Amino acid sequence: MEKLEITKDNALKAYSDGSDSDRELLDRLFPGKLKKLSIIDRISAETPVQDACKILGLDFDCIHDDCEDKYEEAEKDIKVVAEALREGKDPKDCFYYPYFYRSGGGVSFGDYDADGGYSVVGARLRVDTPEKARHLGKVLEPQYKTYLTGQ
């Protein structure tokens, strides 16, 4: 019988980039060998919006079709990534969002904050853990700058 070999890095990449059925197959082929990547690990700093679109089954090339300006594109990017990070949880049950400091003409990521029962930001922009809020702020800092300043 002929053996087929795969490196762990290639298997993990296939696992993180694949569909649910791809991950099920890899789990059956390599039981207990592949660490299931957290949602934070699946949304990279390099391509967060593309990664989120892949997770949600959206066509990245079409998500800005109804946007009229850079502000709407930034808002759409934030909503898509936040939705992926929530992993199906109702936005009304999520209370964490990135917090930014405004200095001079710029905006920089600061930390996260929690919305305790009233909405300071739109529900669709919130996530369910402080870690996810930090990740959202770090990977989408340019989009947040546009969203918060309109520039």
C-alpha atoms as a PDB file:
ATOM      1  CA  MET A   1       0.000   0.000   0.000  1.00  0.00           C
ATOM      2  CA  GLU A   2       1.337   3.426  -0.943  1.00  0.00           C
ATOM      3  CA  LYS A   3       1.645   6.108   1.738  1.00  0.00           C
ATOM      4  CA  LEU A   4       0.616   9.683   1.305  1.00  0.00           C
ATOM      5  CA  GLU A   5       2.455  12.157   3.528  1.00  0.00           C
ATOM      6  CA  ILE A   6       1.454  15.644   4.586  1.00  0.00           C
ATOM      7  CA  THR A   7       3.296  18.081   6.806  1.00  0.00           C
ATOM      8  CA  LYS A   8       1.567  19.295   9.938  1.00  0.00           C
ATOM      9  CA  ASP A   9       1.855  22.900   8.697  1.00  0.00           C
ATOM     10  CA  ASN A  10       0.045  21.990   5.468  1.00  0.00           C
ATOM     11  CA  ALA A  11      -2.616  20.067   7.379  1.00  0.00           C
ATOM     12  CA  LEU A  12      -3.171  22.989   9.773  1.00  0.00           C
ATOM     13  CA  LYS A  13      -3.387  25.426   6.846  1.00  0.00           C
ATOM     14  CA  ALA A  14      -5.923  23.155   5.106  1.00  0.00           C
ATOM     15  CA  TYR A  15      -7.819  22.880   8.388  1.00  0.00           C
ATOM     16  CA  SER A  16      -7.965  26.636   8.980  1.00  0.00           C
ATOM     17  CA  ASP A  17      -8.744  27.528   5.352  1.00  0.00           C
ATOM     18  CA  GLY A  18     -11.199  24.703   4.736  1.00  0.00           C
ATOM     19  CA  SER A  19     -14.926  24.374   5.066  1.00  0.00           C
ATOM     20  CA  ASP A  20     -16.632  22.564   7.934  1.00  0.00           C
ATOM     21  CA  SER A  21     -16.688  19.340   5.897  1.00  0.00           C
ATOM     22  CA  ASP A  22     -12.956  19.730   5.118  1.00  0.00           C
ATOM     23  CA  ARG A  23     -12.228  20.066   8.848  1.00  0.00           C
ATOM     24  CA  GLU A  24     -14.390  17.013   9.638  1.00  0.00           C
ATOM     25  CA  LEU A  25     -12.445  14.962   7.080  1.00  0.00           C
ATOM     26  CA  LEU A  26      -9.085  16.107   8.471  1.00  0.00           C
ATOM     27  CA  ASP A  27     -10.271  15.302  12.010  1.00  0.00           C
ATOM     28  CA  ARG A  28     -11.170  11.774  10.859  1.00  0.00           C
ATOM     29  CA  LEU A  29      -7.860  11.318   9.023  1.00  0.00           C
ATOM     30  CA  PHE A  30      -5.742  12.704  11.879  1.00  0.00           C
ATOM     31  CA  PRO A  31      -7.754  12.167  15.083  1.00  0.00           C
ATOM     32  CA  GLY A  32      -6.443  14.309  17.911  1.00  0.00           C
ATOM     33  CA  LYS A  33      -3.494  15.536  15.847  1.00  0.00           C
ATOM     34  CA  LEU A  34      -4.800  18.872  14.631  1.00  0.00           C
ATOM     35  CA  LYS A  35      -5.391  21.649  17.086  1.00  0.00           C
ATOM     36  CA  LYS A  36      -8.643  23.351  16.300  1.00  0.00           C
ATOM     37  CA  LEU A  37      -7.719  26.944  15.671  1.00  0.00           C
ATOM     38  CA  SER A  38      -9.561  29.567  17.643  1.00  0.00           C
ATOM     39  CA  ILE A  39     -11.536  32.158  15.742  1.00  0.00           C
ATOM     40  CA  ILE A  40      -8.855  34.718  16.637  1.00  0.00           C
ATOM     41  CA  ASP A  41      -6.201  32.510  15.023  1.00  0.00           C
ATOM     42  CA  ARG A  42      -8.361  32.074  11.924  1.00  0.00           C
ATOM     43  CA  ILE A  43      -8.632  35.852  11.340  1.00  0.00           C
ATOM     44  CA  SER A  44      -5.133  37.034  10.499  1.00  0.00           C
ATOM     45  CA  ALA A  45      -3.730  40.542  10.841  1.00  0.00           C
ATOM     46  CA  GLU A  46      -2.715  40.468   7.175  1.00  0.00           C
ATOM     47  CA  THR A  47      -6.102  39.615   5.637  1.00  0.00           C
ATOM     48  CA  PRO A  48      -8.767  39.972   8.346  1.00  0.00           C
ATOM     49  CA  VAL A  49     -11.687  40.901   6.102  1.00  0.00           C
ATOM     50  CA  GLN A  50     -10.917  38.165   3.560  1.00  0.00           C
ATOM     51  CA  ASP A  51     -10.568  35.617   6.386  1.00  0.00           C
ATOM     52  CA  ALA A  52     -13.872  36.720   7.938  1.00  0.00           C
ATOM     53  CA  CYS A  53     -15.622  36.508   4.552  1.00  0.00           C
ATOM     54  CA  LYS A  54     -14.314  32.964   4.113  1.00  0.00           C
ATOM     55  CA  ILE A  55     -15.592  31.988   7.574  1.00  0.00           C
ATOM     56  CA  LEU A  56     -19.023  33.533   6.909  1.00  0.00           C
ATOM     57  CA  GLY A  57     -19.295  32.239   3.348  1.00  0.00           C
ATOM     58  CA  LEU A  58     -19.343  35.747   1.840  1.00  0.00           C
ATOM     59  CA  ASP A  59     -17.803  36.792  -1.453  1.00  0.00           C
ATOM     60  CA  PHE A  60     -15.051  39.244  -0.497  1.00  0.00           C
ATOM     61  CA  ASP A  61     -15.113  40.845  -3.950  1.00  0.00           C
ATOM     62  CA  CYS A  62     -18.772  41.835  -3.497  1.00  0.00           C
ATOM     63  CA  ILE A  63     -19.022  43.061   0.103  1.00  0.00           C
ATOM     64  CA  HIS A  64     -18.426  46.707  -0.831  1.00  0.00           C
ATOM     65  CA  ASP A  65     -20.793  46.727  -3.820  1.00  0.00           C
ATOM     66  CA  ASP A  66     -23.466  48.727  -1.970  1.00  0.00           C
ATOM     67  CA  CYS A  67     -20.979  51.106  -0.301  1.00  0.00           C
ATOM     68  CA  GLU A  68     -20.870  54.687  -1.527  1.00  0.00           C
ATOM     69  CA  ASP A  69     -17.665  55.870   0.174  1.00  0.00           C
ATOM     70  CA  LYS A  70     -14.630  54.867   2.268  1.00  0.00           C
ATOM     71  CA  TYR A  71     -16.604  55.391   5.506  1.00  0.00           C
ATOM     72  CA  GLU A  72     -19.234  52.814   4.492  1.00  0.00           C
ATOM     73  CA  GLU A  73     -16.517  50.398   3.319  1.00  0.00           C
ATOM     74  CA  ALA A  74     -14.748  50.696   6.696  1.00  0.00           C
ATOM     75  CA  GLU A  75     -18.020  50.178   8.564  1.00  0.00           C
ATOM     76  CA  LYS A  76     -18.813  47.106   6.441  1.00  0.00           C
ATOM     77  CA  ASP A  77     -15.343  45.636   7.099  1.00  0.00           C
ATOM     78  CA  ILE A  78     -15.784  46.099  10.850  1.00  0.00           C
ATOM     79  CA  LYS A  79     -19.258  44.533  10.807  1.00  0.00           C
ATOM     80  CA  VAL A  80     -18.075  41.508   8.797  1.00  0.00           C
ATOM     81  CA  VAL A  81     -15.071  40.806  11.036  1.00  0.00           C
ATOM     82  CA  ALA A  82     -17.098  41.374  14.226  1.00  0.00           C
ATOM     83  CA  GLU A  83     -19.770  38.966  12.966  1.00  0.00           C
ATOM     84  CA  ALA A  84     -17.154  36.292  12.295  1.00  0.00           C
ATOM     85  CA  LEU A  85     -15.579  36.830  15.717  1.00  0.00           C
ATOM     86  CA  ARG A  86     -18.980  36.462  17.435  1.00  0.00           C
ATOM     87  CA  GLU A  87     -19.251  32.908  16.016  1.00  0.00           C
ATOM     88  CA  GLY A  88     -23.029  33.018  15.686  1.00  0.00           C
ATOM     89  CA  LYS A  89     -23.761  34.680  19.022  1.00  0.00           C
ATOM     90  CA  ASP A  90     -26.516  37.281  19.049  1.00  0.00           C
ATOM     91  CA  PRO A  91     -24.942  40.758  18.870  1.00  0.00           C
ATOM     92  CA  LYS A  92     -27.338  41.905  21.611  1.00  0.00           C
ATOM     93  CA  ASP A  93     -25.579  39.487  23.983  1.00  0.00           C
ATOM     94  CA  CYS A  94     -22.098  40.846  23.197  1.00  0.00           C
ATOM     95  CA  PHE A  95     -20.720  43.719  25.220  1.00  0.00           C
ATOM     96  CA  TYR A  96     -17.053  44.264  24.272  1.00  0.00           C
ATOM     97  CA  TYR A  97     -15.644  46.634  21.677  1.00  0.00           C
ATOM     98  CA  PRO A  98     -12.223  48.094  20.867  1.00  0.00           C
ATOM     99  CA  TYR A  99     -11.338  51.404  22.464  1.00  0.00           C
ATOM    100  CA  PHE A 100      -9.219  53.956  20.609  1.00  0.00           C
ATOM    101  CA  TYR A 101      -7.306  57.047  21.620  1.00  0.00           C
ATOM    102  CA  ARG A 102      -7.374  60.086  19.415  1.00  0.00           C
ATOM    103  CA  SER A 103      -4.106  61.952  19.248  1.00  0.00           C
ATOM    104  CA  GLY A 104      -3.483  64.813  16.854  1.00  0.00           C
ATOM    105  CA  GLY A 105      -4.888  63.800  13.500  1.00  0.00           C
ATOM    106  CA  GLY A 106      -4.710  60.081  14.169  1.00  0.00           C
ATOM    107  CA  VAL A 107      -6.443  57.291  15.983  1.00  0.00           C
ATOM    108  CA  SER A 108      -4.622  54.479  17.744  1.00  0.00           C
ATOM    109  CA  PHE A 109      -5.877  51.299  19.335  1.00  0.00           C
ATOM    110  CA  GLY A 110      -5.903  51.510  23.113  1.00  0.00           C
ATOM    111  CA  ASP A 111      -7.640  48.516  24.667  1.00  0.00           C
ATOM    112  CA  TYR A 112     -11.179  47.197  24.953  1.00  0.00           C
ATOM    113  CA  ASP A 113     -14.175  48.336  26.920  1.00  0.00           C
ATOM    114  CA  ALA A 114     -17.400  46.701  28.015  1.00  0.00           C
ATOM    115  CA  ASP A 115     -20.847  48.037  27.315  1.00  0.00           C
ATOM    116  CA  GLY A 116     -22.790  47.350  30.486  1.00  0.00           C
ATOM    117  CA  GLY A 117     -26.404  47.240  29.462  1.00  0.00           C
ATOM    118  CA  TYR A 118     -26.621  50.302  27.272  1.00  0.00           C
ATOM    119  CA  SER A 119     -25.247  50.796  23.811  1.00  0.00           C
ATOM    120  CA  VAL A 120     -22.289  53.097  23.279  1.00  0.00           C
ATOM    121  CA  VAL A 121     -21.540  51.440  19.954  1.00  0.00           C
ATOM    122  CA  GLY A 122     -23.796  49.602  17.557  1.00  0.00           C
ATOM    123  CA  ALA A 123     -24.550  46.036  18.588  1.00  0.00           C
ATOM    124  CA  ARG A 124     -23.233  44.715  15.278  1.00  0.00           C
ATOM    125  CA  LEU A 125     -19.808  46.162  16.107  1.00  0.00           C
ATOM    126  CA  ARG A 126     -19.460  44.351  19.445  1.00  0.00           C
ATOM    127  CA  VAL A 127     -18.001  40.947  20.281  1.00  0.00           C
ATOM    128  CA  ASP A 128     -18.382  38.562  23.196  1.00  0.00           C
ATOM    129  CA  THR A 129     -14.925  38.550  24.843  1.00  0.00           C
ATOM    130  CA  PRO A 130     -12.233  41.102  25.707  1.00  0.00           C
ATOM    131  CA  GLU A 131      -9.692  39.080  23.670  1.00  0.00           C
ATOM    132  CA  LYS A 132     -11.845  39.301  20.558  1.00  0.00           C
ATOM    133  CA  ALA A 133     -12.357  43.045  21.085  1.00  0.00           C
ATOM    134  CA  ARG A 134      -8.572  43.549  21.317  1.00  0.00           C
ATOM    135  CA  HIS A 135      -8.051  41.492  18.155  1.00  0.00           C
ATOM    136  CA  LEU A 136     -10.785  43.391  16.304  1.00  0.00           C
ATOM    137  CA  GLY A 137      -9.182  46.723  17.194  1.00  0.00           C
ATOM    138  CA  LYS A 138      -5.665  45.654  16.300  1.00  0.00           C
ATOM    139  CA  VAL A 139      -6.384  44.017  12.940  1.00  0.00           C
ATOM    140  CA  LEU A 140      -8.796  46.725  11.754  1.00  0.00           C
ATOM    141  CA  GLU A 141      -7.092  49.838  13.093  1.00  0.00           C
ATOM    142  CA  PRO A 142      -7.015  51.554   9.639  1.00  0.00           C
ATOM    143  CA  GLN A 143     -10.734  50.836   9.099  1.00  0.00           C
ATOM    144  CA  TYR A 144     -11.556  52.151  12.573  1.00  0.00           C
ATOM    145  CA  LYS A 145      -9.591  55.339  11.833  1.00  0.00           C
ATOM    146  CA  THR A 146     -11.753  55.889   8.751  1.00  0.00           C
ATOM    147  CA  TYR A 147     -14.926  54.889  10.616  1.00  0.00           C
ATOM    148  CA  LEU A 148     -14.231  57.168  13.590  1.00  0.00           C
ATOM    149  CA  THR A 149     -12.858  60.200  11.741  1.00  0.00           C
ATOM    150  CA  GLY A 150     -14.563  59.913   8.348  1.00  0.00           C
ATOM    151  CA  GLN A 151     -11.146  60.164   6.658  1.00  0.00           C
END
